[in-house]
């Protein structure tokens, strides 16, 4: 990983973005995070895709598009251009952030690739940065971030920031996907129960949660007991793990 060197302002911005990723619950939240990211590292467009590590298949139907031209996206999906896209292909072997130029340079210039590059340039897709990651290697689904940066100043610091922020985006998208898998019969949670879960997730004790929420420790334990029952678990670590899995917290 490249060493991260930022001025205090950019470092604060990056830490704020990482924190915001903890509270992402929808694709619109992801787009909001990308908006904030563009204030720290300028880019013209961004996309986030899920990729099966074993097969190399990119789930384009689950991609999140931030300002990429609609015509380009439609062409990419319709013609399954991920099969010839050097940026997508390079994500299987790259160990950190890389430029599109590096990905193109490592691929044989076939007729199909020439057509792909020509089409991409027609839509202004001339330069960019990409990175793929999955902090949990037991999970076979990676997240691929691709930024279109034509006209932007991209250096080592830029690449380092991409590498640092992507794991947080991966976890956020993973949370959204898992929430979609939530059992239909999972009981709802009250506002107080969700607040209790949130602070329990952040490692607060029952007493500390009570102080934060201005309720008694006994009431906090009452809420935790109801949470355990609804999630069909017996302790706090199990409750937090299941709540994360189902996107409750």
C-alpha atoms as a PDB file:
ATOM      1  CA  UNK A   1       0.000   0.000   0.000  1.00  0.00           C
ATOM      2  CA  UNK A   2       1.278   3.462  -0.848  1.00  0.00           C
ATOM      3  CA  UNK A   3       2.093   5.674   2.113  1.00  0.00           C
ATOM      4  CA  UNK A   4      -0.685   8.147   2.792  1.00  0.00           C
ATOM      5  CA  UNK A   5       0.473  11.755   3.126  1.00  0.00           C
ATOM      6  CA  UNK A   6      -2.255  14.357   3.467  1.00  0.00           C
ATOM      7  CA  UNK A   7      -2.544  17.847   4.813  1.00  0.00           C
ATOM      8  CA  UNK A   8      -4.698  18.196   7.923  1.00  0.00           C
ATOM      9  CA  UNK A   9      -7.735  19.402   5.995  1.00  0.00           C
ATOM     10  CA  UNK A  10      -7.752  16.461   3.587  1.00  0.00           C
ATOM     11  CA  UNK A  11      -7.018  14.025   6.404  1.00  0.00           C
ATOM     12  CA  UNK A  12     -10.031  15.285   8.348  1.00  0.00           C
ATOM     13  CA  UNK A  13     -12.161  14.986   5.209  1.00  0.00           C
ATOM     14  CA  UNK A  14     -11.023  11.416   4.614  1.00  0.00           C
ATOM     15  CA  UNK A  15     -11.708  10.416   8.220  1.00  0.00           C
ATOM     16  CA  UNK A  16     -15.162  11.980   7.968  1.00  0.00           C
ATOM     17  CA  UNK A  17     -15.904  10.006   4.789  1.00  0.00           C
ATOM     18  CA  UNK A  18     -14.776   6.778   6.446  1.00  0.00           C
ATOM     19  CA  UNK A  19     -17.087   7.528   9.364  1.00  0.00           C
ATOM     20  CA  UNK A  20     -20.000   8.254   7.008  1.00  0.00           C
ATOM     21  CA  UNK A  21     -19.504   4.819   5.445  1.00  0.00           C
ATOM     22  CA  UNK A  22     -20.498   3.282   8.789  1.00  0.00           C
ATOM     23  CA  UNK A  23     -24.000   4.695   8.427  1.00  0.00           C
ATOM     24  CA  UNK A  24     -24.646   3.836   4.780  1.00  0.00           C
ATOM     25  CA  UNK A  25     -27.945   2.000   4.359  1.00  0.00           C
ATOM     26  CA  UNK A  26     -28.833   2.506   0.680  1.00  0.00           C
ATOM     27  CA  UNK A  27     -27.357   3.135  -2.760  1.00  0.00           C
ATOM     28  CA  UNK A  28     -28.309   6.808  -2.447  1.00  0.00           C
ATOM     29  CA  UNK A  29     -26.153   6.948   0.696  1.00  0.00           C
ATOM     30  CA  UNK A  30     -23.255   5.502  -1.326  1.00  0.00           C
ATOM     31  CA  UNK A  31     -23.719   8.215  -3.959  1.00  0.00           C
ATOM     32  CA  UNK A  32     -23.604  10.798  -1.178  1.00  0.00           C
ATOM     33  CA  UNK A  33     -20.305   9.376   0.051  1.00  0.00           C
ATOM     34  CA  UNK A  34     -18.906   9.532  -3.501  1.00  0.00           C
ATOM     35  CA  UNK A  35     -19.966  13.185  -3.694  1.00  0.00           C
ATOM     36  CA  UNK A  36     -17.928  13.884  -0.561  1.00  0.00           C
ATOM     37  CA  UNK A  37     -14.994  11.870  -1.897  1.00  0.00           C
ATOM     38  CA  UNK A  38     -14.911  13.978  -5.066  1.00  0.00           C
ATOM     39  CA  UNK A  39     -14.194  17.030  -2.894  1.00  0.00           C
ATOM     40  CA  UNK A  40     -11.000  15.342  -1.661  1.00  0.00           C
ATOM     41  CA  UNK A  41      -9.878  13.609  -4.865  1.00  0.00           C
ATOM     42  CA  UNK A  42     -11.483  15.128  -7.987  1.00  0.00           C
ATOM     43  CA  UNK A  43     -13.016  12.769 -10.554  1.00  0.00           C
ATOM     44  CA  UNK A  44     -15.571  13.131 -13.337  1.00  0.00           C
ATOM     45  CA  UNK A  45     -17.439   9.875 -12.788  1.00  0.00           C
ATOM     46  CA  UNK A  46     -17.323   6.809 -10.574  1.00  0.00           C
ATOM     47  CA  UNK A  47     -18.712   3.301 -10.532  1.00  0.00           C
ATOM     48  CA  UNK A  48     -18.797   0.594  -7.883  1.00  0.00           C
ATOM     49  CA  UNK A  49     -19.335  -3.007  -8.968  1.00  0.00           C
ATOM     50  CA  UNK A  50     -19.448  -6.363  -7.227  1.00  0.00           C
ATOM     51  CA  UNK A  51     -17.246  -9.098  -8.649  1.00  0.00           C
ATOM     52  CA  UNK A  52     -17.114 -12.835  -8.020  1.00  0.00           C
ATOM     53  CA  UNK A  53     -13.477 -13.604  -7.275  1.00  0.00           C
ATOM     54  CA  UNK A  54     -13.597 -17.229  -8.406  1.00  0.00           C
ATOM     55  CA  UNK A  55     -15.357 -16.793 -11.756  1.00  0.00           C
ATOM     56  CA  UNK A  56     -14.341 -13.201 -12.463  1.00  0.00           C
ATOM     57  CA  UNK A  57     -17.972 -12.342 -13.259  1.00  0.00           C
ATOM     58  CA  UNK A  58     -18.925  -8.720 -12.570  1.00  0.00           C
ATOM     59  CA  UNK A  59     -22.495  -8.246 -11.374  1.00  0.00           C
ATOM     60  CA  UNK A  60     -23.349  -5.263 -13.541  1.00  0.00           C
ATOM     61  CA  UNK A  61     -26.975  -5.344 -12.404  1.00  0.00           C
ATOM     62  CA  UNK A  62     -25.748  -4.400  -8.925  1.00  0.00           C
ATOM     63  CA  UNK A  63     -23.381  -1.645 -10.027  1.00  0.00           C
ATOM     64  CA  UNK A  64     -23.653   1.857  -8.573  1.00  0.00           C
ATOM     65  CA  UNK A  65     -23.125   4.580 -11.165  1.00  0.00           C
ATOM     66  CA  UNK A  66     -22.075   8.118 -10.267  1.00  0.00           C
ATOM     67  CA  UNK A  67     -22.162  10.374 -13.349  1.00  0.00           C
ATOM     68  CA  UNK A  68     -20.980   7.888 -15.983  1.00  0.00           C
ATOM     69  CA  UNK A  69     -22.733   8.633 -19.324  1.00  0.00           C
ATOM     70  CA  UNK A  70     -25.937   6.614 -19.621  1.00  0.00           C
ATOM     71  CA  UNK A  71     -25.067   5.585 -23.187  1.00  0.00           C
ATOM     72  CA  UNK A  72     -21.724   4.209 -22.057  1.00  0.00           C
ATOM     73  CA  UNK A  73     -23.276   2.278 -19.178  1.00  0.00           C
ATOM     74  CA  UNK A  74     -25.975   0.806 -21.447  1.00  0.00           C
ATOM     75  CA  UNK A  75     -23.372  -0.247 -24.026  1.00  0.00           C
ATOM     76  CA  UNK A  76     -21.168  -1.742 -21.326  1.00  0.00           C
ATOM     77  CA  UNK A  77     -23.997  -3.826 -19.861  1.00  0.00           C
ATOM     78  CA  UNK A  78     -25.672  -4.803 -23.154  1.00  0.00           C
ATOM     79  CA  UNK A  79     -22.435  -5.986 -24.772  1.00  0.00           C
ATOM     80  CA  UNK A  80     -20.896  -7.376 -21.565  1.00  0.00           C
ATOM     81  CA  UNK A  81     -17.787  -5.274 -22.133  1.00  0.00           C
ATOM     82  CA  UNK A  82     -16.350  -6.376 -18.788  1.00  0.00           C
ATOM     83  CA  UNK A  83     -15.033  -9.397 -20.695  1.00  0.00           C
ATOM     84  CA  UNK A  84     -12.681  -7.184 -22.743  1.00  0.00           C
ATOM     85  CA  UNK A  85     -12.259  -4.218 -20.393  1.00  0.00           C
ATOM     86  CA  UNK A  86      -8.581  -4.208 -19.290  1.00  0.00           C
ATOM     87  CA  UNK A  87      -9.511  -2.274 -16.143  1.00  0.00           C
ATOM     88  CA  UNK A  88     -11.976  -4.964 -15.062  1.00  0.00           C
ATOM     89  CA  UNK A  89      -9.610  -7.776 -16.033  1.00  0.00           C
ATOM     90  CA  UNK A  90      -6.689  -6.238 -14.131  1.00  0.00           C
ATOM     91  CA  UNK A  91      -8.764  -6.150 -10.942  1.00  0.00           C
ATOM     92  CA  UNK A  92      -8.321  -9.916 -10.600  1.00  0.00           C
ATOM     93  CA  UNK A  93      -4.564  -9.659 -10.106  1.00  0.00           C
ATOM     94  CA  UNK A  94      -3.854  -6.093  -8.956  1.00  0.00           C
ATOM     95  CA  UNK A  95      -2.782  -5.751  -5.329  1.00  0.00           C
ATOM     96  CA  UNK A  96      -3.618  -2.067  -4.990  1.00  0.00           C
ATOM     97  CA  UNK A  97      -4.896   0.972  -6.897  1.00  0.00           C
ATOM     98  CA  UNK A  98      -3.841   1.276 -10.542  1.00  0.00           C
ATOM     99  CA  UNK A  99      -4.427   3.634 -13.447  1.00  0.00           C
ATOM    100  CA  UNK A 100      -6.386   2.728 -16.553  1.00  0.00           C
ATOM    101  CA  UNK A 101      -3.206   3.416 -18.517  1.00  0.00           C
ATOM    102  CA  UNK A 102      -1.400   0.709 -16.547  1.00  0.00           C
ATOM    103  CA  UNK A 103      -4.254  -1.729 -17.181  1.00  0.00           C
ATOM    104  CA  UNK A 104      -4.263  -1.001 -20.919  1.00  0.00           C
ATOM    105  CA  UNK A 105      -0.484  -1.337 -21.073  1.00  0.00           C
ATOM    106  CA  UNK A 106      -0.626  -4.824 -19.615  1.00  0.00           C
ATOM    107  CA  UNK A 107      -3.107  -6.115 -22.191  1.00  0.00           C
ATOM    108  CA  UNK A 108      -2.502  -7.313 -25.753  1.00  0.00           C
ATOM    109  CA  UNK A 109      -3.921  -4.829 -28.248  1.00  0.00           C
ATOM    110  CA  UNK A 110      -6.446  -7.047 -30.040  1.00  0.00           C
ATOM    111  CA  UNK A 111      -9.153  -5.958 -32.473  1.00  0.00           C
ATOM    112  CA  UNK A 112     -11.739  -6.248 -29.690  1.00  0.00           C
ATOM    113  CA  UNK A 113      -9.651  -4.077 -27.387  1.00  0.00           C
ATOM    114  CA  UNK A 114      -9.181  -1.426 -30.093  1.00  0.00           C
ATOM    115  CA  UNK A 115     -12.965  -1.300 -30.535  1.00  0.00           C
ATOM    116  CA  UNK A 116     -13.445  -1.059 -26.779  1.00  0.00           C
ATOM    117  CA  UNK A 117     -10.949   1.785 -26.417  1.00  0.00           C
ATOM    118  CA  UNK A 118     -12.510   3.629 -29.356  1.00  0.00           C
ATOM    119  CA  UNK A 119     -15.999   3.330 -27.882  1.00  0.00           C
ATOM    120  CA  UNK A 120     -14.777   4.404 -24.449  1.00  0.00           C
ATOM    121  CA  UNK A 121     -13.084   7.482 -25.897  1.00  0.00           C
ATOM    122  CA  UNK A 122     -16.272   8.362 -27.791  1.00  0.00           C
ATOM    123  CA  UNK A 123     -17.906   8.744 -24.377  1.00  0.00           C
ATOM    124  CA  UNK A 124     -14.951  10.624 -22.888  1.00  0.00           C
ATOM    125  CA  UNK A 125     -13.594   7.608 -21.011  1.00  0.00           C
ATOM    126  CA  UNK A 126      -9.906   8.352 -21.609  1.00  0.00           C
ATOM    127  CA  UNK A 127      -8.189   8.171 -18.224  1.00  0.00           C
ATOM    128  CA  UNK A 128      -8.959   6.824 -14.803  1.00  0.00           C
ATOM    129  CA  UNK A 129      -8.052   4.989 -11.630  1.00  0.00           C
ATOM    130  CA  UNK A 130      -9.352   1.660 -10.350  1.00  0.00           C
ATOM    131  CA  UNK A 131      -8.997  -0.549  -7.308  1.00  0.00           C
ATOM    132  CA  UNK A 132     -10.479  -3.855  -6.181  1.00  0.00           C
ATOM    133  CA  UNK A 133     -10.667  -5.129  -2.638  1.00  0.00           C
ATOM    134  CA  UNK A 134     -12.244  -7.474  -0.144  1.00  0.00           C
ATOM    135  CA  UNK A 135     -10.941  -7.242   3.438  1.00  0.00           C
ATOM    136  CA  UNK A 136     -12.705 -10.509   4.285  1.00  0.00           C
ATOM    137  CA  UNK A 137     -11.020 -13.128   2.114  1.00  0.00           C
ATOM    138  CA  UNK A 138     -13.538 -15.747   3.261  1.00  0.00           C
ATOM    139  CA  UNK A 139     -16.134 -13.885   1.196  1.00  0.00           C
ATOM    140  CA  UNK A 140     -15.765 -14.500  -2.547  1.00  0.00           C
ATOM    141  CA  UNK A 141     -17.350 -11.195  -3.606  1.00  0.00           C
ATOM    142  CA  UNK A 142     -14.994  -8.262  -4.217  1.00  0.00           C
ATOM    143  CA  UNK A 143     -15.828  -4.606  -4.788  1.00  0.00           C
ATOM    144  CA  UNK A 144     -14.352  -2.795  -7.799  1.00  0.00           C
ATOM    145  CA  UNK A 145     -14.138   1.002  -7.775  1.00  0.00           C
ATOM    146  CA  UNK A 146     -13.421   2.769 -11.060  1.00  0.00           C
ATOM    147  CA  UNK A 147     -12.973   6.544 -11.318  1.00  0.00           C
ATOM    148  CA  UNK A 148     -12.896   8.467 -14.607  1.00  0.00           C
ATOM    149  CA  UNK A 149     -10.239  11.153 -14.106  1.00  0.00           C
ATOM    150  CA  UNK A 150      -9.618  12.725 -17.519  1.00  0.00           C
ATOM    151  CA  UNK A 151      -8.093  16.159 -16.876  1.00  0.00           C
ATOM    152  CA  UNK A 152      -7.567  15.494 -13.153  1.00  0.00           C
ATOM    153  CA  UNK A 153      -4.201  15.473 -11.410  1.00  0.00           C
ATOM    154  CA  UNK A 154      -3.559  11.871 -10.359  1.00  0.00           C
ATOM    155  CA  UNK A 155      -0.436  11.085  -8.347  1.00  0.00           C
ATOM    156  CA  UNK A 156       0.722   8.735  -5.610  1.00  0.00           C
ATOM    157  CA  UNK A 157      -1.325  10.550  -2.963  1.00  0.00           C
ATOM    158  CA  UNK A 158      -4.469  10.220  -5.077  1.00  0.00           C
ATOM    159  CA  UNK A 159      -3.909   6.476  -5.518  1.00  0.00           C
ATOM    160  CA  UNK A 160      -3.243   6.050  -1.800  1.00  0.00           C
ATOM    161  CA  UNK A 161      -6.547   7.694  -0.887  1.00  0.00           C
ATOM    162  CA  UNK A 162      -8.408   5.377  -3.270  1.00  0.00           C
ATOM    163  CA  UNK A 163      -6.757   2.400  -1.613  1.00  0.00           C
ATOM    164  CA  UNK A 164      -7.640   3.601   1.869  1.00  0.00           C
ATOM    165  CA  UNK A 165     -11.291   4.465   1.196  1.00  0.00           C
ATOM    166  CA  UNK A 166     -12.311   1.405  -0.847  1.00  0.00           C
ATOM    167  CA  UNK A 167     -12.420  -1.094   2.062  1.00  0.00           C
ATOM    168  CA  UNK A 168     -14.910   1.206   3.790  1.00  0.00           C
ATOM    169  CA  UNK A 169     -17.055   1.421   0.647  1.00  0.00           C
ATOM    170  CA  UNK A 170     -16.834  -2.370   0.319  1.00  0.00           C
ATOM    171  CA  UNK A 171     -18.155  -2.870   3.851  1.00  0.00           C
ATOM    172  CA  UNK A 172     -20.943  -0.359   3.218  1.00  0.00           C
ATOM    173  CA  UNK A 173     -22.087  -2.106   0.025  1.00  0.00           C
ATOM    174  CA  UNK A 174     -21.785  -5.465   1.740  1.00  0.00           C
ATOM    175  CA  UNK A 175     -24.130  -4.193   4.436  1.00  0.00           C
ATOM    176  CA  UNK A 176     -26.679  -3.105   1.813  1.00  0.00           C
ATOM    177  CA  UNK A 177     -26.537  -6.495   0.089  1.00  0.00           C
ATOM    178  CA  UNK A 178     -26.978  -8.358   3.359  1.00  0.00           C
ATOM    179  CA  UNK A 179     -29.912  -6.165   4.335  1.00  0.00           C
ATOM    180  CA  UNK A 180     -31.601  -7.304   1.124  1.00  0.00           C
ATOM    181  CA  UNK A 181     -31.237 -10.864   2.415  1.00  0.00           C
ATOM    182  CA  UNK A 182     -33.053 -10.014   5.651  1.00  0.00           C
ATOM    183  CA  UNK A 183     -35.715 -12.634   6.463  1.00  0.00           C
ATOM    184  CA  UNK A 184     -39.222 -11.481   5.597  1.00  0.00           C
ATOM    185  CA  UNK A 185     -40.425 -12.522   9.049  1.00  0.00           C
ATOM    186  CA  UNK A 186     -37.748 -10.593  10.954  1.00  0.00           C
ATOM    187  CA  UNK A 187     -39.566  -8.474  13.576  1.00  0.00           C
ATOM    188  CA  UNK A 188     -39.316  -4.712  13.421  1.00  0.00           C
ATOM    189  CA  UNK A 189     -37.272  -2.717  15.909  1.00  0.00           C
ATOM    190  CA  UNK A 190     -38.339   0.345  17.856  1.00  0.00           C
ATOM    191  CA  UNK A 191     -36.397   3.595  17.631  1.00  0.00           C
ATOM    192  CA  UNK A 192     -34.980   2.987  21.124  1.00  0.00           C
ATOM    193  CA  UNK A 193     -33.936  -0.553  20.208  1.00  0.00           C
ATOM    194  CA  UNK A 194     -32.119   0.698  17.112  1.00  0.00           C
ATOM    195  CA  UNK A 195     -30.377   3.395  19.158  1.00  0.00           C
ATOM    196  CA  UNK A 196     -29.371   0.810  21.753  1.00  0.00           C
ATOM    197  CA  UNK A 197     -28.027  -1.467  19.026  1.00  0.00           C
ATOM    198  CA  UNK A 198     -26.075   1.372  17.447  1.00  0.00           C
ATOM    199  CA  UNK A 199     -24.273   2.222  20.663  1.00  0.00           C
ATOM    200  CA  UNK A 200     -23.763  -1.436  21.578  1.00  0.00           C
ATOM    201  CA  UNK A 201     -22.164  -1.875  18.148  1.00  0.00           C
ATOM    202  CA  UNK A 202     -19.774   0.950  19.036  1.00  0.00           C
ATOM    203  CA  UNK A 203     -18.714  -0.893  22.189  1.00  0.00           C
ATOM    204  CA  UNK A 204     -20.623   1.099  24.797  1.00  0.00           C
ATOM    205  CA  UNK A 205     -21.637  -0.602  28.040  1.00  0.00           C
ATOM    206  CA  UNK A 206     -25.254  -0.713  29.206  1.00  0.00           C
ATOM    207  CA  UNK A 207     -24.472   2.038  31.707  1.00  0.00           C
ATOM    208  CA  UNK A 208     -22.815   4.222  29.034  1.00  0.00           C
ATOM    209  CA  UNK A 209     -25.744   3.699  26.653  1.00  0.00           C
ATOM    210  CA  UNK A 210     -28.099   4.753  29.418  1.00  0.00           C
ATOM    211  CA  UNK A 211     -26.172   7.977  29.968  1.00  0.00           C
ATOM    212  CA  UNK A 212     -26.108   8.729  26.227  1.00  0.00           C
ATOM    213  CA  UNK A 213     -29.839   8.056  25.774  1.00  0.00           C
ATOM    214  CA  UNK A 214     -30.834   9.550  29.143  1.00  0.00           C
ATOM    215  CA  UNK A 215     -32.449   6.324  30.305  1.00  0.00           C
ATOM    216  CA  UNK A 216     -31.643   3.941  33.147  1.00  0.00           C
ATOM    217  CA  UNK A 217     -29.219   1.045  32.813  1.00  0.00           C
ATOM    218  CA  UNK A 218     -32.132  -1.251  33.651  1.00  0.00           C
ATOM    219  CA  UNK A 219     -34.099   0.122  30.681  1.00  0.00           C
ATOM    220  CA  UNK A 220     -31.104  -0.429  28.398  1.00  0.00           C
ATOM    221  CA  UNK A 221     -30.924  -4.058  29.517  1.00  0.00           C
ATOM    222  CA  UNK A 222     -34.663  -4.353  28.865  1.00  0.00           C
ATOM    223  CA  UNK A 223     -34.150  -3.145  25.283  1.00  0.00           C
ATOM    224  CA  UNK A 224     -31.207  -5.520  24.827  1.00  0.00           C
ATOM    225  CA  UNK A 225     -33.324  -8.428  26.042  1.00  0.00           C
ATOM    226  CA  UNK A 226     -36.010  -7.586  23.461  1.00  0.00           C
ATOM    227  CA  UNK A 227     -33.336  -7.285  20.759  1.00  0.00           C
ATOM    228  CA  UNK A 228     -31.935 -10.729  21.634  1.00  0.00           C
ATOM    229  CA  UNK A 229     -35.426 -12.205  21.426  1.00  0.00           C
ATOM    230  CA  UNK A 230     -36.193 -10.630  18.050  1.00  0.00           C
ATOM    231  CA  UNK A 231     -32.869 -11.748  16.579  1.00  0.00           C
ATOM    232  CA  UNK A 232     -33.110 -15.181  18.215  1.00  0.00           C
ATOM    233  CA  UNK A 233     -29.723 -14.868  19.953  1.00  0.00           C
ATOM    234  CA  UNK A 234     -28.526 -15.126  23.549  1.00  0.00           C
ATOM    235  CA  UNK A 235     -25.831 -12.469  23.927  1.00  0.00           C
ATOM    236  CA  UNK A 236     -24.595  -9.099  22.738  1.00  0.00           C
ATOM    237  CA  UNK A 237     -21.854 -10.246  20.294  1.00  0.00           C
ATOM    238  CA  UNK A 238     -24.349 -12.530  18.535  1.00  0.00           C
ATOM    239  CA  UNK A 239     -26.926  -9.740  18.402  1.00  0.00           C
ATOM    240  CA  UNK A 240     -24.462  -7.255  16.913  1.00  0.00           C
ATOM    241  CA  UNK A 241     -23.216  -9.782  14.348  1.00  0.00           C
ATOM    242  CA  UNK A 242     -26.752 -10.628  13.253  1.00  0.00           C
ATOM    243  CA  UNK A 243     -27.843  -6.981  13.226  1.00  0.00           C
ATOM    244  CA  UNK A 244     -24.910  -6.143  10.940  1.00  0.00           C
ATOM    245  CA  UNK A 245     -25.702  -9.116   8.720  1.00  0.00           C
ATOM    246  CA  UNK A 246     -29.305  -7.990   8.271  1.00  0.00           C
ATOM    247  CA  UNK A 247     -28.474  -4.303   7.970  1.00  0.00           C
ATOM    248  CA  UNK A 248     -30.267  -3.356  11.175  1.00  0.00           C
ATOM    249  CA  UNK A 249     -27.260  -1.436  12.475  1.00  0.00           C
END
